[in-house]
Amino acid sequence: MGLHDEARKQVLDAAIGMTRRGLLVGTGGNVSVRIGDLDLLAITPSQRDYLELGPDDICVVGFDGTPVEGALAPSVETRMHIAVYQARPDVNAILHTHQVHASVFAVLGEPIPALTDEQVANLGNTVAVVPYGLSGSETLMANIQAAVANKCNAFVLQSHGALLLGLDVERALRNVELLEKTAHAYQMALATGKAVCRLPEDVEAAVFDLLKSDQRVEVRRKRKAKEARA
């Protein structure tokens, strides 16, 4: 199996798995995986039922937007994915979902603060709100590229859904589940009307630094790989 084939299968498996769990609805949402250390990504096609796709239906696109493999049109949000990969060299997988509990905060336009050490160790110290932009628009792309500079791995897209990042597709999928768990718990806690406890600031900072350390290791690995090819 070639490098492109492996990435395409990862994208398809992730899309099918999330569809079956109700995290992607209809043809909404999209999945991408960075292909090795190249300026390429594999991404789901536009307006297709993920349960009816095969690996050959997954698109391979260059970071300049040039189609490389696949007969179908790539997701209309391909440029958004490219913008994230360019801004965050530590990220190797991106999942855009319409998961229900995270979407509550998307429609409220409210962030989720640091509530547990598990959350901060994987998602970062906040689940920030990305201001609204129409799907596929320059506005949305710019808003997301600005937001991901905070080094976190989970975001809610205002009036839209959620965006999850990961060092690899397995961790990105884990982040999807963790965001849904965190959003659900926070939603229920707010409904009690009582004060919600945040993680102590010193613990939040220490745990988040561990996540950023893993990210820095991946960035250094990519830099060395590019230097070796030069």
Protein backbone atom coordinates (compact mmCIF):
# COMPACT_ATOMS: atom_id res chain seq x y z
CA MET A 1 0.00 0.00 0.00
CA GLY A 2 1.42 3.38 -1.03
CA LEU A 3 1.62 6.50 1.11
CA HIS A 4 -1.41 8.01 -0.63
CA ASP A 5 -3.41 4.79 -0.27
CA GLU A 6 -2.75 4.57 3.46
CA ALA A 7 -3.84 8.16 4.05
CA ARG A 8 -6.96 7.72 1.90
CA LYS A 9 -7.95 4.64 3.88
CA GLN A 10 -7.44 6.50 7.16
CA VAL A 11 -9.71 9.29 5.95
CA LEU A 12 -12.40 6.88 4.80
CA ASP A 13 -12.30 4.79 7.98
CA ALA A 14 -12.56 7.91 10.14
CA ALA A 15 -15.45 9.33 8.10
CA ILE A 16 -17.40 6.06 8.17
CA GLY A 17 -16.78 5.53 11.89
CA MET A 18 -17.93 9.03 12.84
CA THR A 19 -20.98 8.80 10.57
CA ARG A 20 -22.06 5.58 12.26
CA ARG A 21 -21.69 7.24 15.67
CA GLY A 22 -23.76 10.25 14.58
CA LEU A 23 -20.84 12.68 14.69
CA LEU A 24 -21.18 13.44 10.98
CA VAL A 25 -24.70 14.00 9.64
CA GLY A 26 -25.72 13.45 6.01
CA THR A 27 -22.98 14.79 3.78
CA GLY A 28 -21.95 17.38 6.37
CA GLY A 29 -18.54 17.53 8.00
CA ASN A 30 -15.23 16.48 6.50
CA VAL A 31 -12.04 14.60 7.30
CA SER A 32 -8.46 15.06 6.14
CA VAL A 33 -5.03 13.55 6.81
CA ARG A 34 -1.68 15.12 5.98
CA ILE A 35 0.30 12.78 3.71
CA GLY A 36 3.69 12.15 5.27
CA ASP A 37 5.95 15.18 5.30
CA LEU A 38 4.77 16.26 1.87
CA ASP A 39 2.62 19.29 1.03
CA LEU A 40 -0.32 16.98 0.30
CA LEU A 41 -3.51 15.98 2.06
CA ALA A 42 -6.13 13.28 1.61
CA ILE A 43 -9.66 14.63 2.15
CA THR A 44 -13.26 13.55 1.83
CA PRO A 45 -15.11 14.54 -1.36
CA SER A 46 -17.88 17.12 -1.50
CA GLN A 47 -21.56 16.23 -1.08
CA ARG A 48 -21.16 12.47 -0.86
CA ASP A 49 -22.63 9.90 1.52
CA TYR A 50 -19.57 8.62 3.37
CA LEU A 51 -21.10 5.18 3.86
CA GLU A 52 -21.16 4.69 0.09
CA LEU A 53 -17.52 5.67 -0.57
CA GLY A 54 -14.46 3.55 -1.26
CA PRO A 55 -10.78 4.47 -0.75
CA ASP A 56 -10.44 5.55 -4.40
CA ASP A 57 -13.18 8.16 -3.83
CA ILE A 58 -11.02 10.01 -1.28
CA CYS A 59 -9.30 13.00 -2.87
CA VAL A 60 -5.60 13.81 -2.73
CA VAL A 61 -4.85 17.52 -3.07
CA GLY A 62 -1.67 19.59 -3.00
CA PHE A 63 -1.31 22.47 -0.58
CA ASP A 64 -1.51 24.76 -3.61
CA GLY A 65 -5.03 23.41 -4.24
CA THR A 66 -4.03 21.23 -7.21
CA PRO A 67 -5.91 17.88 -7.44
CA VAL A 68 -3.47 14.95 -7.42
CA GLU A 69 -5.68 11.85 -7.18
CA GLY A 70 -9.40 11.12 -7.15
CA ALA A 71 -12.15 11.72 -9.70
CA LEU A 72 -14.56 13.44 -7.28
CA ALA A 73 -14.50 17.09 -6.26
CA PRO A 74 -12.81 17.57 -2.87
CA SER A 75 -14.63 19.11 0.09
CA VAL A 76 -15.52 22.78 -0.33
CA GLU A 77 -13.58 23.33 2.90
CA THR A 78 -10.32 21.90 1.53
CA ARG A 79 -8.62 25.30 1.66
CA MET A 80 -9.57 25.58 5.33
CA HIS A 81 -7.79 22.29 6.02
CA ILE A 82 -4.75 23.43 4.04
CA ALA A 83 -4.65 26.69 6.01
CA VAL A 84 -4.59 24.76 9.29
CA TYR A 85 -1.82 22.43 8.13
CA GLN A 86 0.25 25.40 7.01
CA ALA A 87 -0.29 27.24 10.30
CA ARG A 88 0.20 24.17 12.49
CA PRO A 89 2.99 21.83 11.32
CA ASP A 90 2.32 19.63 14.36
CA VAL A 91 -1.16 18.74 13.02
CA ASN A 92 -1.47 15.64 10.82
CA ALA A 93 -5.24 15.06 10.93
CA ILE A 94 -8.27 17.38 10.90
CA LEU A 95 -11.87 16.39 11.62
CA HIS A 96 -14.77 18.81 11.09
CA THR A 97 -17.86 17.42 12.79
CA HIS A 98 -21.46 18.32 13.53
CA GLN A 99 -21.51 16.56 16.90
CA VAL A 100 -24.48 17.54 19.02
CA HIS A 101 -23.15 18.66 22.41
CA ALA A 102 -20.24 20.65 20.98
CA SER A 103 -22.71 22.21 18.54
CA VAL A 104 -24.69 23.58 21.51
CA PHE A 105 -21.76 25.88 22.23
CA ALA A 106 -21.35 26.63 18.53
CA VAL A 107 -24.88 28.00 18.31
CA LEU A 108 -24.48 29.83 21.63
CA GLY A 109 -21.17 31.27 20.48
CA GLU A 110 -19.68 30.37 23.86
CA PRO A 111 -16.24 28.83 24.56
CA ILE A 112 -15.61 25.90 26.89
CA PRO A 113 -13.04 26.71 29.60
CA ALA A 114 -10.44 24.37 31.11
CA LEU A 115 -12.52 22.02 33.25
CA THR A 116 -10.43 18.82 33.63
CA ASP A 117 -6.80 17.82 33.28
CA GLU A 118 -7.79 15.20 30.68
CA GLN A 119 -9.34 17.94 28.56
CA VAL A 120 -6.31 20.23 28.76
CA ALA A 121 -3.83 17.39 28.12
CA ASN A 122 -5.51 16.58 24.81
CA LEU A 123 -7.64 19.50 23.63
CA GLY A 124 -5.75 22.41 25.14
CA ASN A 125 -6.63 25.01 27.75
CA THR A 126 -9.77 26.26 26.02
CA VAL A 127 -12.26 25.29 23.34
CA ALA A 128 -12.40 28.64 21.60
CA VAL A 129 -15.18 29.95 19.37
CA VAL A 130 -14.18 30.59 15.76
CA PRO A 131 -16.26 33.54 14.44
CA TYR A 132 -18.77 32.65 11.74
CA GLY A 133 -17.83 32.33 8.11
CA LEU A 134 -19.71 30.68 5.26
CA SER A 135 -18.44 27.18 4.41
CA GLY A 136 -15.55 27.38 1.96
CA SER A 137 -15.24 31.15 2.28
CA GLU A 138 -12.09 33.23 2.68
CA THR A 139 -13.59 34.61 5.89
CA LEU A 140 -13.93 31.19 7.51
CA MET A 141 -10.44 30.16 6.37
CA ALA A 142 -8.90 33.31 7.83
CA ASN A 143 -10.87 33.01 11.09
CA ILE A 144 -9.77 29.41 11.60
CA GLN A 145 -6.15 30.06 10.70
CA ALA A 146 -6.07 32.85 13.30
CA ALA A 147 -7.77 30.71 15.94
CA VAL A 148 -5.49 27.66 15.70
CA ALA A 149 -2.47 29.80 16.62
CA ASN A 150 -3.45 29.17 20.26
CA LYS A 151 -1.98 25.62 19.92
CA CYS A 152 -5.22 23.98 21.06
CA ASN A 153 -6.78 21.00 19.30
CA ALA A 154 -10.51 21.67 19.63
CA PHE A 155 -12.68 24.56 18.46
CA VAL A 156 -16.35 25.30 18.01
CA LEU A 157 -17.29 27.01 14.75
CA GLN A 158 -19.93 29.63 15.43
CA SER A 159 -23.37 28.57 14.11
CA HIS A 160 -21.77 25.59 12.40
CA GLY A 161 -20.09 22.72 14.29
CA ALA A 162 -16.73 21.67 15.67
CA LEU A 163 -13.14 21.35 14.47
CA LEU A 164 -10.71 18.83 15.96
CA LEU A 165 -6.98 18.51 15.31
CA GLY A 166 -4.46 15.79 16.14
CA LEU A 167 -0.88 14.67 15.82
CA ASP A 168 -2.38 11.69 13.98
CA VAL A 169 -5.84 10.50 13.01
CA GLU A 170 -6.19 8.24 16.07
CA ARG A 171 -5.61 11.16 18.43
CA ALA A 172 -7.87 13.42 16.40
CA LEU A 173 -10.65 10.83 16.73
CA ARG A 174 -10.00 10.57 20.46
CA ASN A 175 -10.27 14.35 20.65
CA VAL A 176 -13.69 14.22 18.97
CA GLU A 177 -14.99 11.90 21.70
CA LEU A 178 -13.34 13.89 24.48
CA LEU A 179 -14.81 17.16 23.21
CA GLU A 180 -18.29 15.64 23.13
CA LYS A 181 -17.87 14.28 26.66
CA THR A 182 -16.57 17.65 27.92
CA ALA A 183 -19.27 19.67 26.16
CA HIS A 184 -22.00 17.38 27.48
CA ALA A 185 -20.73 17.58 31.07
CA TYR A 186 -20.34 21.37 30.87
CA GLN A 187 -23.82 21.75 29.40
CA MET A 188 -25.34 19.69 32.23
CA ALA A 189 -23.32 21.54 34.87
CA LEU A 190 -24.50 24.91 33.56
CA ALA A 191 -28.09 23.68 33.64
CA THR A 192 -27.90 23.24 37.43
CA GLY A 193 -27.44 26.99 37.84
CA LYS A 194 -24.53 26.40 40.21
CA ALA A 195 -21.02 27.74 39.79
CA VAL A 196 -18.85 25.52 37.58
CA CYS A 197 -15.39 24.67 38.88
CA ARG A 198 -12.50 25.41 36.54
CA LEU A 199 -9.17 23.62 36.71
CA PRO A 200 -6.68 25.45 38.98
CA GLU A 201 -4.58 27.84 36.89
CA ASP A 202 -1.23 26.30 37.84
CA VAL A 203 -2.41 22.81 36.90
CA GLU A 204 -3.93 24.12 33.66
CA ALA A 205 -0.65 25.76 32.66
CA ALA A 206 1.50 22.74 33.54
CA VAL A 207 -0.70 20.23 31.74
CA PHE A 208 -1.09 22.41 28.65
CA ASP A 209 2.68 22.79 28.47
CA LEU A 210 2.99 18.99 28.24
CA LEU A 211 0.69 19.02 25.20
CA LYS A 212 2.66 21.83 23.59
CA SER A 213 5.88 19.91 24.24
CA ASP A 214 4.57 16.96 22.21
CA GLN A 215 3.64 19.40 19.45
CA ARG A 216 7.11 20.93 19.45
CA VAL A 217 8.66 17.47 19.07
CA GLU A 218 6.54 16.85 15.96
CA VAL A 219 7.48 20.22 14.48
CA ARG A 220 11.19 19.47 14.97
CA ARG A 221 10.76 16.04 13.38
CA LYS A 222 9.16 17.58 10.29
CA ARG A 223 11.84 20.24 10.04
CA LYS A 224 14.59 17.61 10.10
CA ALA A 225 12.76 15.50 7.49
CA LYS A 226 12.50 18.49 5.14
CA GLU A 227 16.15 19.37 5.65
CA ALA A 228 17.13 15.78 4.83
CA ARG A 229 15.19 15.95 1.53
CA ALA A 230 16.69 19.32 0.56
